[in-house]
Amino acid sequence: MTIKIVNSNELENVINRVRAQSPDSKIVQCHGVFDLVHPGHLEHFEEARKLGDVLVVSITADEFINKGPNRPYFDQVRRSRFLAALEMISYVYIVQSDSAVDAIRLIKPDFYVKGSDYRKLSDDITGKIELEKEIVEKFGGKLVFTDGFTSSSTSLINSALVSQDSEISRWVNEFKKSFTVSEVVNWIDRLSTVDVGILGESIIDKYTNCRPLAKSSKDPILAFQRFETRSFIGGVLAIADSCSKWSRETSVYSVTGRDFRDHLSNLSKETDFNSHFLELEDRPTIVKHRFVDMNSGNRVFEYYDYQPDALERSTQLEIIELLGLKLNSNSLLLLADYGHGFFGQDLISRLCSSGAFLCVNTQSNAGNRGFNTFSKYSRIDLLSLNGGELELELRRKDLDYRAVVPKIMKEKNCKYAVVTLGGGGLLTFDSSGESTRTPALASKVVDKVGAGDSVLAISSMLAFLGAPKEIIGLLSSVVAAFEVSQLGHQESMSIVSMKKYVKGILG
């Protein structure tokens, strides 16, 4: 069975041998993720095989799949082995790319076969079929569509999530009474009309894997063996990375240390946003370094490399100058306040007196010990925070959020508020004080860091557009589920993935 799974050199040799031995032989190619093979796929492969003598199925490698939270469900080894076990498939090839283009150039198929759901090219939300068709025809091949039963793996997997969780199932049924899939997709499309400005601290998140050894022989401490360290962008950098995937234009206003370029050199990630950074002599770039037990995934130790003092007044004035016209128009500004000194009183006063649409998240963390609260902002258009931060703000536990949050919104003149509750989902409030609760959609949590940032990013853009609170709640929960499914901020959810996930879960 495994001999059918080939690398690029092996596949090229196979193709050359087939064409040399039988010049009239026809080679057929199918391509996809094939995360959950179902009867529709079998019919698809059977129809494809009838078109030729050799059927090559190329699949997307794990690292290039961006279909939503917890995808792929099965890794590339399991996916390729399952496909290789099917009699009608001649060879399986894992493509190290997010499209079939590289595989098409290698195989040069006589027939490139897609399912009937791709027949109308204008409906392809990936935007890749047109290019694939062009490459196929360039090599003398033909794009063909099968006519069998269709049902996407994404829809089946997401539907399984809904059916297995009665709370999510009830919520989906209620949501569908008021909104259609096309309405949700329309709001996703409208994100591309928004210009976003983001202010706050730039952070580098580091994770070092370690393994516990034993108690130190001379001190009452546990000793660990250290393994590899990985670095990711965090803070406003991660927020901007997400917004840049959805918006028309994204700009970041932040400060860094002189060591910022050194940190960036250790990151392979490319970003696509406008950077307005002030490099400061008196502080390092903020680094939050977490040591992770590689067996359990638990954090065993964490340290901050930062300078917690407030920015000098002169630096705050420089930031205000950089913002320019964004302060005098109805611009969207996200204030990601991690409580590490970026937002001084001069900057806050100028922001609150501006005409901008202000979306605020004040985070409580080990570096500010609960002293960083939203009360320092006199005006907020969208307030985003988690339940624990609200409890700190009010110095009360077991809050009735539906009673408390509308009062805060009235005081701050809020148009929207989002309260995240971890595994309890999130609450979204509109200007009337009415709320809706959206359940958590994450079936697997790898790292909770960054979930609130992703919610701030998507909810701010939708609030600026005036989206219904239910739409804000749904899409916030979707991107949060995607964020927590990965260690650190490795990747932002794409527009295409967002649409696919929504279509899958809403049916």
Protein backbone atom coordinates (compact mmCIF):
# COMPACT_ATOMS: atom_id res chain seq x y z
CA MET A 1 0.00 0.00 0.00
CA THR A 2 2.66 2.52 1.05
CA ILE A 3 4.47 2.18 -2.32
CA LYS A 4 1.58 4.20 -3.76
CA ILE A 5 2.57 7.21 -1.61
CA VAL A 6 5.31 9.01 -3.57
CA ASN A 7 7.50 12.09 -3.24
CA SER A 8 8.09 14.57 -6.06
CA ASN A 9 11.08 12.73 -7.58
CA GLU A 10 9.33 9.37 -7.47
CA LEU A 11 6.16 10.83 -8.98
CA GLU A 12 8.08 12.51 -11.79
CA ASN A 13 9.79 9.19 -12.62
CA VAL A 14 6.43 7.40 -12.62
CA ILE A 15 4.86 9.97 -14.97
CA ASN A 16 7.82 9.88 -17.34
CA ARG A 17 7.81 6.06 -17.40
CA VAL A 18 4.07 5.83 -18.10
CA ARG A 19 4.25 8.30 -20.96
CA ALA A 20 7.37 6.67 -22.42
CA GLN A 21 5.89 3.16 -22.33
CA SER A 22 2.36 4.11 -23.42
CA PRO A 23 2.27 7.47 -25.25
CA ASP A 24 -1.53 7.25 -25.53
CA SER A 25 -2.03 6.76 -21.77
CA LYS A 26 -4.09 9.38 -20.00
CA ILE A 27 -3.09 10.69 -16.58
CA VAL A 28 -5.81 12.03 -14.28
CA GLN A 29 -5.31 14.21 -11.20
CA CYS A 30 -7.61 15.00 -8.28
CA HIS A 31 -6.59 17.41 -5.56
CA GLY A 32 -7.86 18.39 -2.13
CA VAL A 33 -7.42 18.05 1.61
CA PHE A 34 -9.61 14.92 1.90
CA ASP A 35 -9.68 15.26 5.66
CA LEU A 36 -12.72 13.05 6.03
CA VAL A 37 -13.30 10.78 3.04
CA HIS A 38 -17.01 10.12 2.48
CA PRO A 39 -19.19 8.44 -0.20
CA GLY A 40 -19.12 11.57 -2.34
CA HIS A 41 -15.33 11.34 -2.54
CA LEU A 42 -15.47 7.68 -3.58
CA GLU A 43 -17.86 8.49 -6.42
CA HIS A 44 -15.61 11.40 -7.37
CA PHE A 45 -12.52 9.14 -7.56
CA GLU A 46 -14.40 6.44 -9.49
CA GLU A 47 -15.58 8.94 -12.12
CA ALA A 48 -12.09 10.43 -12.35
CA ARG A 49 -10.41 7.04 -12.86
CA LYS A 50 -12.72 6.23 -15.79
CA LEU A 51 -11.21 9.20 -17.64
CA GLY A 52 -7.73 7.67 -17.85
CA ASP A 53 -5.22 5.00 -17.02
CA VAL A 54 -3.46 6.49 -13.98
CA LEU A 55 -5.16 8.43 -11.18
CA VAL A 56 -2.92 10.62 -9.02
CA VAL A 57 -4.49 12.18 -5.94
CA SER A 58 -2.52 15.13 -4.56
CA ILE A 59 -3.31 16.31 -1.04
CA THR A 60 -2.41 19.51 0.79
CA ALA A 61 0.23 19.12 3.52
CA ASP A 62 -0.89 19.82 7.09
CA GLU A 63 0.97 23.10 7.52
CA PHE A 64 -0.75 24.69 4.51
CA ILE A 65 -4.31 23.87 5.57
CA ASN A 66 -6.26 26.86 6.86
CA LYS A 67 -9.85 25.64 6.99
CA GLY A 68 -10.70 26.62 10.53
CA PRO A 69 -10.19 25.50 14.12
CA ASN A 70 -8.69 22.05 14.68
CA ARG A 71 -8.07 21.34 11.01
CA PRO A 72 -6.90 19.08 9.59
CA TYR A 73 -8.77 16.56 11.67
CA PHE A 74 -6.47 13.79 10.39
CA ASP A 75 -2.80 14.50 9.69
CA GLN A 76 -1.22 14.05 6.26
CA VAL A 77 0.18 10.60 7.07
CA ARG A 78 -3.25 9.20 7.95
CA ARG A 79 -4.93 10.97 5.04
CA SER A 80 -2.41 9.71 2.49
CA ARG A 81 -2.46 6.13 3.83
CA PHE A 82 -6.26 5.98 3.67
CA LEU A 83 -6.32 7.23 0.08
CA ALA A 84 -3.54 4.83 -0.94
CA ALA A 85 -5.70 1.95 0.31
CA LEU A 86 -8.38 2.77 -2.29
CA GLU A 87 -8.05 0.52 -5.34
CA MET A 88 -9.00 3.13 -7.93
CA ILE A 89 -6.18 5.49 -6.83
CA SER A 90 -2.79 4.82 -8.45
CA TYR A 91 -0.58 7.24 -6.49
CA VAL A 92 -0.87 9.72 -3.63
CA TYR A 93 1.32 12.83 -3.48
CA ILE A 94 1.56 15.29 -0.56
CA VAL A 95 1.86 18.86 -1.86
CA GLN A 96 3.92 21.36 0.14
CA SER A 97 1.73 24.27 -0.93
CA ASP A 98 -1.70 25.76 -0.28
CA SER A 99 -2.90 25.04 -3.83
CA ALA A 100 -2.61 22.35 -6.52
CA VAL A 101 -0.55 24.52 -8.88
CA ASP A 102 2.85 22.99 -8.02
CA ALA A 103 1.43 19.48 -8.33
CA ILE A 104 -0.19 20.29 -11.69
CA ARG A 105 3.12 21.58 -13.02
CA LEU A 106 4.78 18.34 -11.92
CA ILE A 107 2.08 15.91 -13.12
CA LYS A 108 0.87 17.78 -16.24
CA PRO A 109 -2.38 15.80 -16.17
CA ASP A 110 -4.49 15.14 -19.22
CA PHE A 111 -7.52 15.64 -16.99
CA TYR A 112 -7.65 17.70 -13.80
CA VAL A 113 -10.85 16.68 -11.99
CA LYS A 114 -12.89 18.69 -9.49
CA GLY A 115 -16.29 18.05 -7.92
CA SER A 116 -19.51 19.50 -9.29
CA ASP A 117 -19.59 22.10 -6.50
CA TYR A 118 -16.69 23.83 -8.30
CA ARG A 119 -18.43 23.87 -11.69
CA LYS A 120 -19.37 27.55 -11.38
CA LEU A 121 -15.90 29.08 -11.13
CA SER A 122 -17.25 32.41 -9.88
CA ASP A 123 -18.54 30.65 -6.73
CA ASP A 124 -15.07 29.42 -5.77
CA ILE A 125 -14.30 31.30 -2.53
CA THR A 126 -10.67 30.15 -2.59
CA GLY A 127 -10.02 31.99 -5.84
CA LYS A 128 -7.62 29.21 -6.92
CA ILE A 129 -9.61 27.22 -9.48
CA GLU A 130 -9.19 29.81 -12.24
CA LEU A 131 -5.39 29.69 -11.84
CA GLU A 132 -5.39 25.88 -11.70
CA LYS A 133 -7.48 25.76 -14.88
CA GLU A 134 -5.02 28.09 -16.60
CA ILE A 135 -2.01 25.93 -15.64
CA VAL A 136 -3.76 22.68 -16.66
CA GLU A 137 -4.64 24.07 -20.09
CA LYS A 138 -1.12 25.48 -20.50
CA PHE A 139 0.19 21.90 -20.48
CA GLY A 140 -2.51 20.66 -22.85
CA GLY A 141 -4.83 19.25 -20.21
CA LYS A 142 -8.51 19.78 -19.51
CA LEU A 143 -10.44 20.76 -16.37
CA VAL A 144 -13.30 18.28 -15.83
CA PHE A 145 -16.09 18.19 -13.25
CA THR A 146 -17.65 15.03 -11.85
CA ASP A 147 -21.41 14.75 -11.37
CA GLY A 148 -21.65 12.63 -8.24
CA PHE A 149 -22.91 13.36 -4.72
CA THR A 150 -21.10 16.28 -3.07
CA SER A 151 -20.58 17.10 0.58
CA SER A 152 -17.48 18.79 1.93
CA SER A 153 -15.34 17.35 4.72
CA THR A 154 -15.50 20.74 6.42
CA SER A 155 -19.30 20.65 6.52
CA LEU A 156 -19.34 17.09 7.86
CA ILE A 157 -16.74 17.77 10.56
CA ASN A 158 -18.40 21.00 11.67
CA SER A 159 -21.82 19.36 11.59
CA ALA A 160 -20.45 16.59 13.81
CA LEU A 161 -19.28 19.24 16.28
CA VAL A 162 -22.80 20.67 16.34
CA SER A 163 -24.54 17.31 16.69
CA GLN A 164 -22.24 16.16 19.49
CA ASP A 165 -22.81 19.28 21.57
CA SER A 166 -26.45 19.89 22.42
CA GLU A 167 -25.75 23.48 23.51
CA ILE A 168 -24.12 24.37 20.19
CA SER A 169 -26.88 22.55 18.32
CA ARG A 170 -29.60 24.56 20.10
CA TRP A 171 -27.68 27.78 19.50
CA VAL A 172 -27.24 27.04 15.77
CA ASN A 173 -30.95 26.33 15.38
CA GLU A 174 -31.86 29.63 17.06
CA PHE A 175 -29.29 31.57 15.04
CA LYS A 176 -30.61 30.17 11.74
CA LYS A 177 -34.10 31.46 12.57
CA SER A 178 -32.79 35.03 12.23
CA PHE A 179 -29.81 34.85 9.85
CA THR A 180 -28.89 32.97 6.68
CA VAL A 181 -25.43 31.79 5.69
CA SER A 182 -25.37 34.34 2.87
CA GLU A 183 -26.05 37.17 5.34
CA VAL A 184 -23.09 36.08 7.49
CA VAL A 185 -20.86 35.75 4.42
CA ASN A 186 -21.90 39.24 3.34
CA TRP A 187 -20.66 40.68 6.64
CA ILE A 188 -17.39 38.78 6.21
CA ASP A 189 -17.00 40.28 2.73
CA ARG A 190 -17.60 43.77 4.09
CA LEU A 191 -14.54 43.49 6.32
CA SER A 192 -12.41 44.20 3.24
CA THR A 193 -13.79 47.76 3.11
CA VAL A 194 -12.39 48.74 6.53
CA ASP A 195 -9.18 50.62 7.36
CA VAL A 196 -7.85 49.68 10.79
CA GLY A 197 -5.50 51.52 13.15
CA ILE A 198 -4.06 49.60 16.12
CA LEU A 199 -2.28 51.07 19.15
CA GLY A 200 -0.51 49.28 21.97
CA GLU A 201 2.45 47.23 23.06
CA SER A 202 4.42 45.05 20.64
CA ILE A 203 5.19 41.71 22.27
CA ILE A 204 7.31 38.71 21.36
CA ASP A 205 5.93 35.44 22.76
CA LYS A 206 8.49 32.69 23.36
CA TYR A 207 7.81 29.07 24.25
CA THR A 208 10.51 26.69 25.43
CA ASN A 209 9.74 23.00 25.74
CA CYS A 210 11.17 21.31 28.80
CA ARG A 211 10.97 17.98 30.60
CA PRO A 212 10.87 17.60 34.40
CA LEU A 213 13.78 15.69 35.90
CA ALA A 214 13.57 15.65 39.70
CA LYS A 215 13.93 17.87 42.74
CA SER A 216 17.27 19.58 42.89
CA SER A 217 19.59 17.79 45.33
CA LYS A 218 20.59 21.01 47.12
CA ASP A 219 17.55 23.26 46.82
CA PRO A 220 13.78 22.76 47.19
CA ILE A 221 13.16 23.32 43.48
CA LEU A 222 12.25 21.14 40.52
CA ALA A 223 14.89 20.74 37.81
CA PHE A 224 14.03 20.59 34.09
CA GLN A 225 15.79 19.61 30.91
CA ARG A 226 15.48 22.32 28.26
CA PHE A 227 14.62 21.64 24.62
CA GLU A 228 13.75 23.82 21.62
CA THR A 229 12.48 27.43 21.83
CA ARG A 230 9.95 28.91 19.40
CA SER A 231 9.14 32.61 18.99
CA PHE A 232 5.90 34.21 17.78
CA ILE A 233 4.58 37.72 17.32
CA GLY A 234 2.19 38.83 20.07
CA GLY A 235 0.41 41.91 21.36
CA VAL A 236 -0.55 44.43 18.68
CA LEU A 237 1.59 42.55 16.15
CA ALA A 238 -0.67 39.50 16.34
CA ILE A 239 -3.81 41.66 16.24
CA ALA A 240 -2.51 43.49 13.18
CA ASP A 241 -1.64 40.22 11.47
CA SER A 242 -5.25 39.11 11.85
CA CYS A 243 -6.76 42.43 10.79
CA SER A 244 -4.49 42.64 7.75
CA LYS A 245 -5.95 39.33 6.50
CA TRP A 246 -9.45 40.80 6.57
CA SER A 247 -9.21 44.59 6.12
CA ARG A 248 -8.48 46.95 3.26
CA GLU A 249 -5.54 48.44 5.16
CA THR A 250 -4.06 47.93 8.62
CA SER A 251 -1.68 50.30 10.42
CA VAL A 252 0.10 49.74 13.73
CA TYR A 253 1.35 52.43 16.15
CA SER A 254 3.67 51.08 18.80
CA VAL A 255 7.04 51.34 20.54
CA THR A 256 9.88 48.84 20.58
CA GLY A 257 13.33 48.49 22.00
CA ARG A 258 16.51 48.70 19.95
CA ASP A 259 16.57 44.90 20.02
CA PHE A 260 13.35 44.58 18.01
CA ARG A 261 15.09 43.78 14.71
CA ASP A 262 17.05 41.01 16.41
CA HIS A 263 13.80 39.44 17.56
CA LEU A 264 12.24 39.74 14.11
CA SER A 265 15.23 38.00 12.56
CA ASN A 266 14.31 34.90 14.58
CA LEU A 267 10.80 34.86 13.12
CA SER A 268 10.06 33.42 9.70
CA LYS A 269 6.59 34.97 9.58
CA GLU A 270 5.87 37.68 7.02
CA THR A 271 3.42 40.44 7.90
CA ASP A 272 1.31 42.68 5.72
CA PHE A 273 0.54 45.83 7.67
CA ASN A 274 1.86 49.39 7.91
CA SER A 275 4.28 49.79 10.83
CA HIS A 276 4.72 53.06 12.71
CA PHE A 277 7.18 52.06 15.43
CA LEU A 278 9.19 54.29 17.73
CA GLU A 279 12.44 52.66 18.87
CA LEU A 280 13.26 53.68 22.45
CA GLU A 281 16.58 53.57 24.26
CA ASP A 282 15.17 53.25 27.78
CA ARG A 283 13.27 49.97 27.38
CA PRO A 284 13.61 46.58 25.70
CA THR A 285 11.10 45.06 23.33
CA ILE A 286 8.59 43.24 25.53
CA VAL A 287 9.25 39.49 25.63
CA LYS A 288 7.03 37.01 27.46
CA HIS A 289 8.81 33.69 27.79
CA ARG A 290 6.89 30.58 28.81
CA PHE A 291 8.43 27.22 29.70
CA VAL A 292 6.15 24.34 28.77
CA ASP A 293 6.17 20.77 30.04
CA MET A 294 6.39 18.93 26.73
CA ASN A 295 4.53 15.90 28.13
CA SER A 296 1.47 17.60 29.59
CA GLY A 297 1.51 20.92 27.73
CA ASN A 298 1.27 22.77 31.06
CA ARG A 299 3.20 26.00 31.66
CA VAL A 300 5.67 25.54 34.49
CA PHE A 301 7.36 28.94 34.53
CA GLU A 302 7.08 32.32 32.82
CA TYR A 303 9.09 35.52 32.86
CA TYR A 304 8.62 39.00 31.40
CA ASP A 305 11.43 41.08 29.90
CA TYR A 306 9.91 44.56 29.94
CA GLN A 307 10.02 48.08 31.35
CA PRO A 308 6.69 48.76 33.07
CA ASP A 309 7.03 52.54 33.56
CA ALA A 310 4.74 54.83 31.56
CA LEU A 311 6.03 56.32 28.32
CA GLU A 312 7.59 59.76 28.52
CA ARG A 313 5.19 62.58 27.66
CA SER A 314 7.33 63.47 24.65
CA THR A 315 6.94 59.92 23.30
CA GLN A 316 3.17 60.03 23.77
CA LEU A 317 3.08 63.29 21.80
CA GLU A 318 5.10 61.65 19.01
CA ILE A 319 2.50 58.87 18.81
CA ILE A 320 -0.29 61.45 18.66
CA GLU A 321 1.55 63.17 15.81
CA LEU A 322 1.93 59.85 13.96
CA LEU A 323 -1.82 59.25 14.21
CA GLY A 324 -2.51 62.56 12.45
CA LEU A 325 -5.85 62.66 10.65
CA LYS A 326 -7.02 59.41 12.22
CA LEU A 327 -7.81 61.43 15.35
CA ASN A 328 -9.96 63.95 13.50
CA SER A 329 -12.17 61.59 11.52
CA ASN A 330 -14.42 58.60 12.05
CA SER A 331 -11.46 56.23 11.90
CA LEU A 332 -11.41 52.78 13.49
CA LEU A 333 -8.82 52.61 16.27
CA LEU A 334 -8.16 49.47 18.33
CA LEU A 335 -6.53 50.16 21.69
CA ALA A 336 -4.83 46.98 22.91
CA ASP A 337 -3.86 48.06 26.42
CA TYR A 338 -1.73 45.38 28.08
CA GLY A 339 -0.89 47.67 31.00
CA HIS A 340 2.85 47.89 30.30
CA GLY A 341 3.12 51.67 30.10
CA PHE A 342 2.17 52.47 26.51
CA PHE A 343 -1.07 54.30 27.26
CA GLY A 344 -0.16 57.36 29.32
CA GLN A 345 -2.68 60.00 30.34
CA ASP A 346 -1.76 62.42 27.54
CA LEU A 347 -2.34 59.79 24.87
CA ILE A 348 -5.56 58.52 26.47
CA SER A 349 -6.97 62.05 26.79
CA ARG A 350 -6.26 62.82 23.15
CA LEU A 351 -7.78 59.54 21.98
CA CYS A 352 -10.95 59.99 24.03
CA SER A 353 -11.42 63.54 22.75
CA SER A 354 -10.95 62.48 19.13
CA GLY A 355 -13.60 61.63 16.56
CA ALA A 356 -12.30 58.09 16.11
CA PHE A 357 -14.32 54.92 16.73
CA LEU A 358 -12.49 53.58 19.82
CA CYS A 359 -12.38 49.86 20.57
CA VAL A 360 -10.72 49.14 23.89
CA ASN A 361 -9.37 46.08 25.63
CA THR A 362 -7.54 46.57 28.94
CA GLN A 363 -5.84 43.36 29.89
CA SER A 364 -5.08 42.17 33.39
CA ASN A 365 -1.89 40.10 33.58
CA ALA A 366 1.04 39.30 35.84
CA GLY A 367 2.79 42.48 34.74
CA ASN A 368 0.11 44.89 35.97
CA ARG A 369 -1.45 42.83 38.83
CA GLY A 370 -4.99 43.97 38.12
CA PHE A 371 -4.28 47.71 38.14
CA ASN A 372 -4.94 48.07 34.42
CA THR A 373 -8.67 48.71 34.01
CA PHE A 374 -10.90 50.41 31.46
CA SER A 375 -12.04 53.08 33.94
CA LYS A 376 -9.19 55.35 32.76
CA TYR A 377 -10.97 55.76 29.40
CA SER A 378 -13.75 58.34 29.48
CA ARG A 379 -15.23 57.20 26.15
CA ILE A 380 -15.36 53.76 24.50
CA ASP A 381 -17.30 52.70 21.39
CA LEU A 382 -16.64 48.99 21.78
CA LEU A 383 -15.48 47.50 25.08
CA SER A 384 -13.87 44.05 24.91
CA LEU A 385 -12.74 42.19 28.02
CA ASN A 386 -13.06 38.88 29.78
CA GLY A 387 -15.23 38.12 32.77
CA GLY A 388 -12.30 38.00 35.18
CA GLU A 389 -11.13 41.47 34.15
CA LEU A 390 -14.63 42.82 34.72
CA GLU A 391 -14.65 41.29 38.19
CA LEU A 392 -11.34 43.02 38.94
CA GLU A 393 -12.72 46.32 37.67
CA LEU A 394 -15.75 46.13 39.93
CA ARG A 395 -14.02 44.26 42.78
CA ARG A 396 -16.86 41.74 42.78
CA LYS A 397 -17.18 38.05 41.96
CA ASP A 398 -20.13 36.12 40.54
CA LEU A 399 -21.34 39.09 38.50
CA ASP A 400 -24.62 39.16 36.65
CA TYR A 401 -23.06 40.37 33.41
CA ARG A 402 -26.38 41.08 31.73
CA ALA A 403 -27.24 43.50 34.54
CA VAL A 404 -23.81 45.07 35.05
CA VAL A 405 -22.50 45.55 31.51
CA PRO A 406 -25.37 47.77 30.22
CA LYS A 407 -24.72 50.18 33.11
CA ILE A 408 -21.04 50.38 32.18
CA MET A 409 -21.92 50.88 28.53
CA LYS A 410 -24.19 53.78 29.40
CA GLU A 411 -21.47 55.38 31.52
CA LYS A 412 -18.85 55.06 28.76
CA ASN A 413 -21.28 55.75 25.91
CA CYS A 414 -20.53 52.33 24.39
CA LYS A 415 -22.19 51.14 21.21
CA TYR A 416 -21.10 47.53 21.75
CA ALA A 417 -19.50 45.35 24.41
CA VAL A 418 -18.06 41.84 24.24
CA VAL A 419 -17.38 39.80 27.38
CA THR A 420 -15.43 36.58 26.85
CA LEU A 421 -16.05 33.74 29.30
CA GLY A 422 -13.50 31.11 28.23
CA GLY A 423 -15.20 27.74 27.87
CA GLY A 424 -18.48 29.50 28.63
CA GLY A 425 -18.41 31.29 25.27
CA LEU A 426 -19.01 35.01 25.05
CA LEU A 427 -21.68 37.67 25.54
CA THR A 428 -22.23 40.42 22.98
CA PHE A 429 -24.15 43.59 23.86
CA ASP A 430 -25.52 46.28 21.53
CA SER A 431 -26.28 49.94 22.27
CA SER A 432 -29.71 49.09 23.71
CA GLY A 433 -28.09 46.93 26.38
CA GLU A 434 -29.59 43.77 24.90
CA SER A 435 -27.25 40.79 24.79
CA THR A 436 -26.76 37.48 23.05
CA ARG A 437 -24.65 34.55 24.18
CA THR A 438 -22.52 32.55 21.76
CA PRO A 439 -21.10 29.19 22.90
CA ALA A 440 -17.40 28.37 22.67
CA LEU A 441 -16.71 26.56 19.40
CA ALA A 442 -13.23 25.25 20.20
CA SER A 443 -13.12 21.47 20.53
CA LYS A 444 -9.39 21.51 21.33
CA VAL A 445 -7.46 24.16 23.27
CA VAL A 446 -3.69 24.24 22.77
CA ASP A 447 -2.94 27.78 23.96
CA LYS A 448 -5.38 30.35 25.35
CA VAL A 449 -2.94 33.25 24.86
CA GLY A 450 -4.20 35.51 22.08
CA ALA A 451 -7.86 34.45 22.12
CA GLY A 452 -8.97 37.80 23.51
CA ASP A 453 -6.83 39.63 20.96
CA SER A 454 -8.49 37.81 18.09
CA VAL A 455 -11.93 38.67 19.51
CA LEU A 456 -10.94 42.34 19.79
CA ALA A 457 -9.78 42.32 16.17
CA ILE A 458 -12.90 40.83 14.55
CA SER A 459 -15.50 42.37 16.89
CA SER A 460 -14.04 45.86 16.44
CA MET A 461 -14.22 45.70 12.67
CA LEU A 462 -17.76 44.34 12.69
CA ALA A 463 -18.90 46.88 15.29
CA PHE A 464 -17.46 49.69 13.17
CA LEU A 465 -19.55 48.39 10.26
CA GLY A 466 -22.66 48.23 12.46
CA ALA A 467 -23.12 44.46 12.35
CA PRO A 468 -25.82 42.80 14.48
CA LYS A 469 -24.60 41.56 17.85
CA GLU A 470 -25.41 37.96 16.86
CA ILE A 471 -23.08 38.15 13.84
CA ILE A 472 -20.35 39.69 16.01
CA GLY A 473 -20.78 36.89 18.53
CA LEU A 474 -20.63 34.12 15.93
CA LEU A 475 -17.54 35.37 14.09
CA SER A 476 -15.77 36.27 17.34
CA SER A 477 -16.27 32.73 18.58
CA VAL A 478 -15.07 31.31 15.26
CA VAL A 479 -11.78 33.24 15.19
CA ALA A 480 -11.19 32.61 18.91
CA ALA A 481 -11.57 28.86 18.32
CA PHE A 482 -9.04 29.08 15.52
CA GLU A 483 -6.58 31.05 17.68
CA VAL A 484 -6.63 28.68 20.66
CA SER A 485 -6.07 25.65 18.42
CA GLN A 486 -2.42 26.63 17.86
CA LEU A 487 0.62 27.29 20.05
CA GLY A 488 1.34 31.00 19.98
CA HIS A 489 0.20 33.14 17.06
CA GLN A 490 1.40 31.02 14.15
CA GLU A 491 -1.30 31.95 11.68
CA SER A 492 -4.38 34.14 11.39
CA MET A 493 -7.68 32.79 10.16
CA SER A 494 -8.20 33.68 6.51
CA ILE A 495 -11.38 35.05 4.98
CA VAL A 496 -11.76 31.83 2.98
CA SER A 497 -11.41 29.67 6.09
CA MET A 498 -13.89 31.83 7.96
CA LYS A 499 -16.47 31.41 5.20
CA LYS A 500 -15.92 27.67 4.97
CA TYR A 501 -16.26 27.24 8.70
CA VAL A 502 -19.44 29.29 8.83
CA LYS A 503 -20.96 27.40 5.91
CA GLY A 504 -20.02 24.12 7.56
CA ILE A 505 -21.43 24.85 11.00
CA LEU A 506 -24.62 26.57 9.79
CA GLY A 507 -25.22 24.09 7.00
